[in-house]
Amino acid sequence: MFRGQRQRVRILFGTADVFLIALAFALAYAIRSRLNLENNFYIPQGVAASLLVWSMVVWVATGAWWETYDRIDATHPRIILRHAFRQCLLGAVSVVIFEYLWRLDLSRLFVGLFALCTWFLLCLFRLNAGLLLRVVRREFSVPHYVMVVGLGDAAQQLGRQLEEAGESHGIRLRGFFTDSLESSLTPIALEHDYPVHAITVLPEMLRSHVIDEIIFATDSRRLAELEDVMLLCEEEGVRTRIAVGFLPHVNSRVYLDRLGTSPLLTFSSTPHDEIRLLVKRVTDIVLAGAALLLLFPVMLLIALLIRLTSPGPAIFRQERCGLNGRRFVFYKFRSMCLDAEAMRESVEHMNHREVVMKIPNDPRLTGVGRWLRKFSADELPQLWNVLKGDMSLVGPRPAIPSEVEQYKRWQRRRLRMRPGLTCLWAISGRDEVDFETWMKLDMEYIDNWSLGLDWKIILRTIPSVLSGRGAH
């Protein structure tokens, strides 16, 4: 589906949630009011309005955050039920938080009824959303007529995708244009047969047929020769798109940017949404700052234990590679003996990993250091790195420059994301994950990054670290 249409669907589902939450609130209030229980139930009108608005904001925000509205009309019913349950569970928690902040005394039964009614109504609507959208589009939407320039494999693949989007999104493929005078005008058979027209008849077709959009899916060498055709479409006000599948960017997101008046077709294989990245940075500052304040007594105690049990400084400093290869000083509590680097050659034979040095039951670990490693407490000073901006709470682990020099080309892409305290590897086995899998998990994180994924990793890292599982 085109991005503009997907945006409209998101707005539709978000608006539907607002109405369904209001209905669920009214139902829960009516049911609780009519129950002849020991305590009378009443919420002042102003408080009820504030609580309802608060609930709407939280429910819709979590739906948008988890990208629930992107998949409602084309996902499995089990996933719909699970997503709605998760959304309602968090919504119920938000109601309790609202009650605490405003010092209210809400009926627990009302809160439970509100969450249950919301879940039921959301599921009822979402399970039938696909059918509802198709009916609305069939009865009320104006068909969107599209033609494709090109006859090759890329053009025909695009035609199939337009056919798939046809019934549910109101798109109608009208046919194809040849991109050269020598091409055959034999109809193209996909799910249906589509006529093929010479590109020279485009001006006449624009006058005699409804054409909302033309997509150029042709060889890159032909685009320059089709400049006059594109200018004609612009003069006529016909929207044009260019399929850029001929460009070898496998993992990149493509978007148009501008430098002054110069349009730039941009390919980015790492997250580039500046607003969401800013939110990620603000979250890092707030959480890292709060953690440093709360954990300062613990960190002070750890530092004292290190100094009392082994000679040497409490903090270990090392140069690491940060965002796009920038070097920075990395901090952690010292967990090894003072001459650990001098002993490196004598223990290298115990390392079973390629590139990185990870030795199970490393003999260089001190008694306190072994305990720190098990529960990742040695990483706490990196909260200062997070606060400074060298690192993030979530991201690929910062590598030593000598390790980066041994990376394969595809592994270097992990440097394009700010390194972090934890990432997917931390919830997938920690030190038990082999190097190749570790790198692939980092790529998976970069390719699928979202603010919701960051929170999911943070929340799953906490029990993993506290249990000490998978740490060497």
Protein backbone atom coordinates (compact mmCIF):
# COMPACT_ATOMS: atom_id res chain seq x y z
CA MET A 1 0.00 0.00 0.00
CA PHE A 2 1.22 3.53 -0.74
CA ARG A 3 2.41 5.44 2.33
CA GLY A 4 -0.31 8.10 2.05
CA GLN A 5 -3.03 5.46 2.04
CA ARG A 6 -1.42 3.66 4.98
CA GLN A 7 -1.38 6.95 6.89
CA ARG A 8 -5.11 7.39 6.30
CA VAL A 9 -5.74 3.85 7.57
CA ARG A 10 -3.75 4.61 10.74
CA ILE A 11 -5.83 7.72 11.34
CA LEU A 12 -9.03 5.74 10.77
CA PHE A 13 -8.09 3.03 13.27
CA GLY A 14 -6.84 5.56 15.82
CA THR A 15 -10.10 7.52 15.54
CA ALA A 16 -12.09 4.30 15.88
CA ASP A 17 -10.19 3.51 19.08
CA VAL A 18 -11.15 6.91 20.51
CA PHE A 19 -14.86 6.24 19.97
CA LEU A 20 -14.63 2.64 21.22
CA ILE A 21 -12.80 3.72 24.39
CA ALA A 22 -15.50 6.33 25.07
CA LEU A 23 -18.19 3.68 24.55
CA ALA A 24 -16.37 1.21 26.83
CA PHE A 25 -16.02 3.90 29.51
CA ALA A 26 -19.76 4.62 29.36
CA LEU A 27 -20.61 0.89 29.48
CA ALA A 28 -18.31 0.21 32.43
CA TYR A 29 -19.65 3.24 34.30
CA ALA A 30 -23.27 2.23 33.66
CA ILE A 31 -22.70 -1.40 34.73
CA ARG A 32 -20.84 -0.42 37.90
CA SER A 33 -23.45 2.22 38.83
CA ARG A 34 -26.30 -0.26 38.52
CA LEU A 35 -24.66 -2.92 40.68
CA ASN A 36 -26.17 -2.87 44.14
CA LEU A 37 -22.92 -3.12 46.09
CA GLU A 38 -21.99 -1.93 49.55
CA ASN A 39 -20.17 1.22 48.35
CA ASN A 40 -21.91 3.75 46.14
CA PHE A 41 -20.07 4.56 42.93
CA TYR A 42 -19.81 8.05 41.50
CA ILE A 43 -17.13 9.99 39.60
CA PRO A 44 -17.49 13.79 39.38
CA GLN A 45 -18.14 14.96 35.82
CA GLY A 46 -14.89 16.91 35.49
CA VAL A 47 -12.80 14.03 36.84
CA ALA A 48 -14.59 11.55 34.58
CA ALA A 49 -13.87 13.73 31.52
CA SER A 50 -10.19 14.04 32.48
CA LEU A 51 -9.90 10.30 33.09
CA LEU A 52 -11.54 9.53 29.74
CA VAL A 53 -9.22 11.88 27.83
CA TRP A 54 -6.21 10.43 29.68
CA SER A 55 -7.30 6.90 28.73
CA MET A 56 -7.82 7.84 25.09
CA VAL A 57 -4.36 9.39 24.86
CA VAL A 58 -2.64 6.40 26.50
CA TRP A 59 -4.55 3.77 24.48
CA VAL A 60 -4.01 5.48 21.12
CA ALA A 61 -0.39 6.39 21.91
CA THR A 62 0.46 2.79 22.79
CA GLY A 63 -1.30 1.56 19.65
CA ALA A 64 0.76 3.95 17.53
CA TRP A 65 3.95 3.15 19.48
CA TRP A 66 3.60 -0.60 18.92
CA GLU A 67 2.57 0.02 15.27
CA THR A 68 -0.70 -1.81 15.94
CA TYR A 69 -2.60 0.36 13.46
CA ASP A 70 -0.27 -0.67 10.63
CA ARG A 71 -1.41 -4.30 10.65
CA ILE A 72 -4.99 -4.47 11.88
CA ASP A 73 -6.58 -5.04 8.45
CA ALA A 74 -4.14 -7.76 7.39
CA THR A 75 -3.00 -9.75 10.41
CA HIS A 76 -3.88 -13.02 12.14
CA PRO A 77 -6.82 -12.93 14.59
CA ARG A 78 -4.63 -14.34 17.37
CA ILE A 79 -2.22 -11.42 17.00
CA ILE A 80 -5.13 -8.96 17.01
CA LEU A 81 -6.38 -10.43 20.31
CA ARG A 82 -2.91 -10.35 21.83
CA HIS A 83 -2.17 -6.77 20.76
CA ALA A 84 -5.55 -5.55 22.05
CA PHE A 85 -4.97 -7.33 25.39
CA ARG A 86 -1.54 -5.78 25.78
CA GLN A 87 -2.92 -2.35 24.91
CA CYS A 88 -5.78 -2.70 27.42
CA LEU A 89 -3.50 -4.02 30.16
CA LEU A 90 -1.25 -0.97 29.85
CA GLY A 91 -4.36 1.23 29.65
CA ALA A 92 -5.65 -0.20 32.92
CA VAL A 93 -2.28 0.45 34.56
CA SER A 94 -2.45 4.05 33.30
CA VAL A 95 -5.88 4.45 34.96
CA VAL A 96 -4.39 3.31 38.27
CA ILE A 97 -1.52 5.80 37.80
CA PHE A 98 -4.08 8.55 37.09
CA GLU A 99 -5.94 7.58 40.26
CA TYR A 100 -2.71 7.79 42.28
CA LEU A 101 -1.64 11.15 40.82
CA TRP A 102 -5.07 12.72 41.40
CA ARG A 103 -5.52 10.99 44.76
CA LEU A 104 -8.82 9.46 43.74
CA ASP A 105 -10.58 6.43 45.12
CA LEU A 106 -11.85 4.63 42.03
CA SER A 107 -13.69 1.36 42.19
CA ARG A 108 -11.37 -1.50 41.26
CA LEU A 109 -14.35 -3.22 39.69
CA PHE A 110 -14.91 -0.19 37.45
CA VAL A 111 -11.26 -0.21 36.31
CA GLY A 112 -11.52 -3.92 35.50
CA LEU A 113 -14.85 -3.47 33.67
CA PHE A 114 -13.39 -0.54 31.69
CA ALA A 115 -10.39 -2.59 30.53
CA LEU A 116 -12.57 -5.63 29.74
CA CYS A 117 -15.17 -3.65 27.78
CA THR A 118 -12.45 -1.84 25.85
CA TRP A 119 -10.73 -5.11 24.98
CA PHE A 120 -14.01 -6.67 23.82
CA LEU A 121 -14.97 -3.68 21.65
CA LEU A 122 -11.48 -3.29 20.16
CA CYS A 123 -11.33 -6.99 19.27
CA LEU A 124 -14.85 -6.93 17.81
CA PHE A 125 -13.98 -3.98 15.59
CA ARG A 126 -10.48 -5.10 14.60
CA LEU A 127 -11.45 -8.67 13.73
CA ASN A 128 -13.92 -7.24 11.20
CA ALA A 129 -11.80 -4.24 10.15
CA GLY A 130 -10.59 -5.80 6.89
CA LEU A 131 -14.14 -6.56 5.74
CA LEU A 132 -15.32 -3.13 6.85
CA LEU A 133 -12.56 -1.33 4.94
CA ARG A 134 -13.29 -3.28 1.78
CA VAL A 135 -17.01 -2.44 2.00
CA VAL A 136 -16.31 1.26 2.63
CA ARG A 137 -13.85 1.48 -0.23
CA ARG A 138 -16.12 -0.40 -2.60
CA GLU A 139 -19.17 1.69 -1.80
CA PHE A 140 -17.76 5.13 -1.12
CA SER A 141 -14.20 5.42 -2.45
CA VAL A 142 -13.31 6.64 -5.93
CA PRO A 143 -11.12 4.08 -7.77
CA HIS A 144 -7.50 5.16 -8.18
CA TYR A 145 -6.36 4.43 -11.77
CA VAL A 146 -2.69 3.60 -12.27
CA MET A 147 -0.62 2.81 -15.37
CA VAL A 148 2.90 1.41 -15.52
CA VAL A 149 5.66 2.42 -17.94
CA GLY A 150 7.80 -0.61 -18.75
CA LEU A 151 7.29 -4.23 -19.77
CA GLY A 152 10.14 -6.01 -17.99
CA ASP A 153 10.13 -8.26 -14.94
CA ALA A 154 10.20 -5.29 -12.55
CA ALA A 155 7.17 -3.71 -14.25
CA GLN A 156 5.20 -6.96 -14.20
CA GLN A 157 6.08 -7.58 -10.54
CA LEU A 158 4.83 -4.08 -9.78
CA GLY A 159 1.66 -4.88 -11.72
CA ARG A 160 1.03 -7.94 -9.55
CA GLN A 161 1.47 -5.87 -6.40
CA LEU A 162 -1.00 -3.30 -7.72
CA GLU A 163 -3.46 -6.12 -8.40
CA GLU A 164 -3.09 -7.39 -4.83
CA ALA A 165 -3.75 -3.90 -3.48
CA GLY A 166 -6.67 -3.41 -5.85
CA GLU A 167 -9.60 -4.91 -3.96
CA SER A 168 -8.67 -3.70 -0.49
CA HIS A 169 -7.29 -0.25 -1.36
CA GLY A 170 -9.25 0.83 -4.42
CA ILE A 171 -6.32 0.74 -6.85
CA ARG A 172 -7.09 -0.10 -10.49
CA LEU A 173 -4.32 -1.09 -12.90
CA ARG A 174 -5.35 0.19 -16.35
CA GLY A 175 -2.47 -1.15 -18.39
CA PHE A 176 1.13 -0.67 -19.44
CA PHE A 177 3.10 1.69 -21.66
CA THR A 178 6.10 0.54 -23.69
CA ASP A 179 9.32 2.34 -22.88
CA SER A 180 10.61 2.13 -26.49
CA LEU A 181 9.18 2.20 -29.99
CA GLU A 182 10.49 -1.31 -30.76
CA SER A 183 8.53 -3.01 -27.97
CA SER A 184 5.65 -5.36 -28.71
CA LEU A 185 2.07 -4.25 -27.96
CA THR A 186 0.97 -7.76 -26.97
CA PRO A 187 -1.26 -7.61 -23.84
CA ILE A 188 0.37 -8.63 -20.56
CA ALA A 189 -1.29 -11.50 -18.72
CA LEU A 190 -1.18 -11.30 -14.95
CA GLU A 191 -4.23 -12.22 -12.89
CA HIS A 192 -6.09 -10.32 -15.62
CA ASP A 193 -5.04 -9.29 -19.12
CA TYR A 194 -3.84 -5.69 -19.49
CA PRO A 195 -3.41 -3.74 -22.72
CA VAL A 196 0.00 -2.40 -23.74
CA HIS A 197 0.17 1.06 -25.34
CA ALA A 198 2.96 2.84 -27.15
CA ILE A 199 4.39 5.63 -25.04
CA THR A 200 3.72 8.04 -27.93
CA VAL A 201 -0.05 7.83 -27.34
CA LEU A 202 0.25 9.06 -23.74
CA PRO A 203 -0.91 12.65 -24.49
CA GLU A 204 -4.04 11.34 -26.19
CA MET A 205 -4.77 8.86 -23.37
CA LEU A 206 -4.43 11.58 -20.74
CA ARG A 207 -7.15 13.51 -22.57
CA SER A 208 -9.51 10.57 -23.15
CA HIS A 209 -9.00 8.38 -20.05
CA VAL A 210 -8.92 8.86 -16.32
CA ILE A 211 -5.31 8.28 -15.22
CA ASP A 212 -4.50 9.29 -11.66
CA GLU A 213 -0.95 8.07 -11.52
CA ILE A 214 1.87 6.71 -13.68
CA ILE A 215 4.68 4.56 -12.30
CA PHE A 216 7.94 4.27 -14.23
CA ALA A 217 9.38 0.77 -13.78
CA THR A 218 11.91 0.75 -16.55
CA ASP A 219 15.63 0.30 -17.04
CA SER A 220 17.67 3.09 -15.47
CA ARG A 221 19.28 3.82 -18.85
CA ARG A 222 15.86 4.60 -20.31
CA LEU A 223 14.88 7.21 -17.71
CA ALA A 224 16.82 10.05 -19.32
CA GLU A 225 15.09 9.34 -22.66
CA LEU A 226 11.70 9.52 -20.92
CA GLU A 227 12.29 13.01 -19.54
CA ASP A 228 9.77 14.59 -21.92
CA VAL A 229 7.15 12.05 -20.83
CA MET A 230 7.71 12.93 -17.19
CA LEU A 231 7.48 16.66 -17.96
CA LEU A 232 4.21 16.03 -19.82
CA CYS A 233 2.79 14.26 -16.76
CA GLU A 234 3.88 17.15 -14.56
CA GLU A 235 2.21 19.70 -16.84
CA GLU A 236 -0.98 17.63 -16.85
CA GLY A 237 -0.87 17.31 -13.06
CA VAL A 238 -0.58 13.51 -13.16
CA ARG A 239 1.33 12.07 -10.22
CA THR A 240 4.42 10.08 -11.24
CA ARG A 241 6.58 7.65 -9.33
CA ILE A 242 9.85 5.94 -10.25
CA ALA A 243 10.51 2.38 -9.10
CA VAL A 244 14.14 2.32 -7.96
CA GLY A 245 14.53 -1.44 -7.75
CA PHE A 246 17.38 -1.22 -10.27
CA LEU A 247 19.57 0.40 -7.60
CA PRO A 248 21.51 -2.14 -5.48
CA HIS A 249 20.41 -1.06 -1.98
CA VAL A 250 19.21 -4.21 -0.25
CA ASN A 251 18.67 -2.97 3.31
CA SER A 252 18.15 0.74 2.71
CA ARG A 253 15.08 2.87 3.23
CA VAL A 254 14.59 5.28 0.37
CA TYR A 255 13.29 8.82 0.76
CA LEU A 256 13.55 12.17 -0.99
CA ASP A 257 15.41 14.96 0.74
CA ARG A 258 16.42 18.45 -0.35
CA LEU A 259 19.55 20.53 -0.06
CA GLY A 260 18.36 24.02 -0.84
CA THR A 261 16.54 23.61 -4.16
CA SER A 262 18.37 20.40 -5.11
CA PRO A 263 16.29 17.21 -4.67
CA LEU A 264 18.30 14.25 -3.34
CA LEU A 265 17.18 10.63 -3.56
CA THR A 266 18.48 9.27 -0.26
CA PHE A 267 19.24 5.69 0.76
CA SER A 268 19.70 4.95 4.45
CA SER A 269 20.44 1.49 5.82
CA THR A 270 20.19 2.73 9.42
CA PRO A 271 17.42 4.62 11.26
CA HIS A 272 17.18 8.23 10.08
CA ASP A 273 13.96 9.59 11.61
CA GLU A 274 15.37 12.57 13.51
CA ILE A 275 12.29 13.02 15.69
CA ARG A 276 12.28 9.43 16.93
CA LEU A 277 16.06 9.47 17.37
CA LEU A 278 15.67 12.66 19.43
CA VAL A 279 13.09 10.90 21.62
CA LYS A 280 15.54 7.99 22.00
CA ARG A 281 18.27 10.43 23.08
CA VAL A 282 16.01 12.21 25.57
CA THR A 283 14.99 8.82 27.00
CA ASP A 284 18.67 7.92 27.37
CA ILE A 285 19.42 11.14 29.26
CA VAL A 286 16.42 10.84 31.59
CA LEU A 287 16.86 7.13 32.41
CA ALA A 288 20.66 7.22 32.65
CA GLY A 289 20.58 10.31 34.87
CA ALA A 290 17.95 8.79 37.14
CA ALA A 291 19.83 5.47 37.30
CA LEU A 292 23.10 7.19 38.23
CA LEU A 293 21.38 9.02 41.09
CA LEU A 294 19.55 5.94 42.37
CA LEU A 295 22.47 3.53 41.98
CA PHE A 296 25.21 5.86 43.24
CA PRO A 297 25.36 4.18 46.72
CA VAL A 298 25.56 0.75 45.04
CA MET A 299 28.28 1.92 42.66
CA LEU A 300 30.23 3.45 45.55
CA LEU A 301 30.03 0.16 47.45
CA ILE A 302 31.22 -1.79 44.38
CA ALA A 303 34.16 0.59 43.94
CA LEU A 304 35.16 0.14 47.59
CA LEU A 305 34.95 -3.68 47.31
CA ILE A 306 37.17 -3.65 44.21
CA ARG A 307 39.80 -1.46 45.88
CA LEU A 308 39.75 -3.52 49.09
CA THR A 309 39.99 -6.94 47.42
CA SER A 310 42.56 -6.34 44.65
CA PRO A 311 45.25 -3.78 43.85
CA GLY A 312 44.55 -1.22 41.14
CA PRO A 313 41.89 1.35 40.23
CA ALA A 314 38.18 0.63 40.59
CA ILE A 315 37.34 1.97 37.12
CA PHE A 316 38.69 0.37 33.95
CA ARG A 317 39.10 2.70 30.97
CA GLN A 318 39.41 1.58 27.37
CA GLU A 319 39.14 3.13 23.92
CA ARG A 320 36.09 1.90 22.01
CA CYS A 321 34.43 2.66 18.67
CA GLY A 322 31.19 4.60 18.81
CA LEU A 323 28.75 6.02 16.25
CA ASN A 324 30.22 5.77 12.73
CA GLY A 325 33.59 4.74 14.19
CA ARG A 326 34.11 7.74 16.50
CA ARG A 327 36.54 6.86 19.30
CA PHE A 328 35.60 7.45 22.93
CA VAL A 329 36.76 6.45 26.41
CA PHE A 330 34.67 3.56 27.70
CA TYR A 331 34.18 3.04 31.45
CA LYS A 332 33.42 -0.06 33.48
CA PHE A 333 34.23 -1.45 36.90
CA ARG A 334 37.49 -3.38 36.83
CA SER A 335 36.68 -7.08 37.06
CA MET A 336 40.14 -8.49 36.30
CA CYS A 337 43.50 -8.42 37.99
CA LEU A 338 45.73 -5.41 37.41
CA ASP A 339 48.06 -7.13 34.87
CA ALA A 340 45.22 -8.72 32.83
CA GLU A 341 46.41 -7.20 29.53
CA ALA A 342 49.95 -8.54 30.08
CA MET A 343 48.46 -12.03 30.62
CA ARG A 344 46.38 -11.86 27.42
CA GLU A 345 48.71 -13.99 25.29
CA SER A 346 48.85 -16.74 27.92
CA VAL A 347 45.07 -17.20 27.92
CA GLU A 348 44.24 -16.61 24.24
CA HIS A 349 44.19 -20.35 23.59
CA MET A 350 41.14 -20.56 25.89
CA ASN A 351 39.12 -18.21 23.67
CA HIS A 352 36.61 -20.08 21.50
CA ARG A 353 35.25 -17.04 19.66
CA GLU A 354 36.44 -15.38 16.51
CA VAL A 355 37.33 -11.67 16.56
CA VAL A 356 36.26 -10.91 20.17
CA MET A 357 37.90 -12.18 23.36
CA LYS A 358 35.38 -13.99 25.57
CA ILE A 359 36.74 -16.74 27.83
CA PRO A 360 34.41 -18.79 30.05
CA ASN A 361 35.72 -18.79 33.65
CA ASP A 362 38.54 -16.44 32.70
CA PRO A 363 41.39 -17.03 35.22
CA ARG A 364 42.18 -13.29 35.20
CA LEU A 365 38.87 -12.46 36.90
CA THR A 366 38.99 -11.42 40.53
CA GLY A 367 36.56 -12.82 43.08
CA VAL A 368 34.49 -9.63 43.08
CA GLY A 369 34.91 -9.33 39.31
CA ARG A 370 33.40 -12.76 38.71
CA TRP A 371 30.30 -11.70 40.65
CA LEU A 372 30.16 -8.35 38.82
CA ARG A 373 30.35 -10.07 35.43
CA LYS A 374 27.60 -12.55 36.32
CA PHE A 375 25.08 -9.79 37.02
CA SER A 376 26.57 -7.24 34.57
CA ALA A 377 27.18 -4.86 37.47
CA ASP A 378 30.60 -4.03 35.97
CA GLU A 379 28.73 -2.18 33.18
CA LEU A 380 27.13 0.40 35.50
CA PRO A 381 29.75 3.15 34.89
CA GLN A 382 28.69 3.14 31.24
CA LEU A 383 25.60 5.05 32.34
CA TRP A 384 28.02 8.01 32.34
CA ASN A 385 28.89 7.19 28.71
CA VAL A 386 25.15 7.19 27.96
CA LEU A 387 24.69 10.55 29.67
CA LYS A 388 27.61 12.03 27.68
CA GLY A 389 26.20 10.78 24.39
CA ASP A 390 28.96 8.27 23.59
CA MET A 391 26.47 5.44 24.02
CA SER A 392 22.76 4.71 24.23
CA LEU A 393 20.86 2.45 26.61
CA VAL A 394 20.03 0.13 23.70
CA GLY A 395 22.29 -0.50 20.73
CA PRO A 396 25.11 -2.73 19.46
CA ARG A 397 27.88 -3.15 22.03
CA PRO A 398 30.86 -0.78 21.47
CA ALA A 399 33.77 -2.65 19.93
CA ILE A 400 37.52 -2.35 20.48
CA PRO A 401 39.27 -0.78 17.41
CA SER A 402 41.36 -3.93 16.88
CA GLU A 403 38.16 -5.98 16.65
CA VAL A 404 36.62 -3.57 14.14
CA GLU A 405 39.65 -4.03 11.88
CA GLN A 406 38.76 -7.74 11.63
CA TYR A 407 35.09 -7.16 10.75
CA LYS A 408 33.69 -8.39 7.48
CA ARG A 409 32.21 -5.64 5.32
CA TRP A 410 28.59 -6.39 6.25
CA GLN A 411 29.46 -6.38 9.97
CA ARG A 412 30.75 -2.80 9.82
CA ARG A 413 27.17 -1.54 9.44
CA ARG A 414 26.70 -2.05 13.19
CA LEU A 415 28.93 1.01 13.66
CA ARG A 416 26.21 3.17 12.04
CA MET A 417 24.06 2.94 15.17
CA ARG A 418 25.05 4.51 18.49
CA PRO A 419 26.41 1.66 20.67
CA GLY A 420 24.44 0.63 23.72
CA LEU A 421 24.43 -1.07 27.10
CA THR A 422 22.13 -3.84 25.91
CA CYS A 423 20.66 -5.17 22.67
CA LEU A 424 19.00 -8.27 21.24
CA TRP A 425 21.99 -10.48 22.10
CA ALA A 426 21.47 -9.68 25.80
CA ILE A 427 18.00 -11.26 25.77
CA SER A 428 19.06 -14.12 23.50
CA GLY A 429 21.66 -15.80 25.67
CA ARG A 430 24.20 -13.05 26.48
CA ASP A 431 27.73 -14.53 26.40
CA GLU A 432 26.45 -17.88 25.12
CA VAL A 433 25.63 -16.31 21.73
CA ASP A 434 28.36 -17.00 19.14
CA PHE A 435 29.98 -14.08 17.31
CA GLU A 436 28.24 -14.60 13.96
CA THR A 437 24.81 -14.77 15.60
CA TRP A 438 25.70 -11.73 17.71
CA MET A 439 26.46 -9.71 14.59
CA LYS A 440 23.27 -10.87 12.87
CA LEU A 441 21.19 -9.91 15.93
CA ASP A 442 22.72 -6.42 15.79
CA MET A 443 21.75 -6.15 12.11
CA GLU A 444 18.24 -7.33 12.97
CA TYR A 445 18.01 -4.62 15.61
CA ILE A 446 19.17 -1.91 13.21
CA ASP A 447 16.82 -3.03 10.43
CA ASN A 448 13.78 -3.23 12.75
CA TRP A 449 14.57 -0.42 15.17
CA SER A 450 11.71 1.39 16.85
CA LEU A 451 11.16 3.09 20.19
CA GLY A 452 8.89 0.21 21.15
CA LEU A 453 11.64 -2.32 20.40
CA ASP A 454 14.02 -0.37 22.66
CA TRP A 455 11.58 -0.56 25.57
CA LYS A 456 10.95 -4.24 24.92
CA ILE A 457 14.70 -4.94 25.08
CA ILE A 458 15.15 -2.84 28.24
CA LEU A 459 12.29 -4.57 30.05
CA ARG A 460 13.48 -8.05 29.02
CA THR A 461 17.11 -7.28 29.88
CA ILE A 462 16.34 -6.55 33.54
CA PRO A 463 15.18 -10.10 34.50
CA SER A 464 17.88 -11.61 32.28
CA VAL A 465 20.62 -9.69 34.09
CA LEU A 466 19.17 -10.25 37.58
CA SER A 467 19.04 -14.01 36.97
CA GLY A 468 22.69 -14.06 35.88
CA ARG A 469 21.89 -16.52 33.08
CA GLY A 470 24.24 -16.72 30.11
CA ALA A 471 27.04 -14.61 31.68
CA HIS A 472 30.66 -15.78 31.62
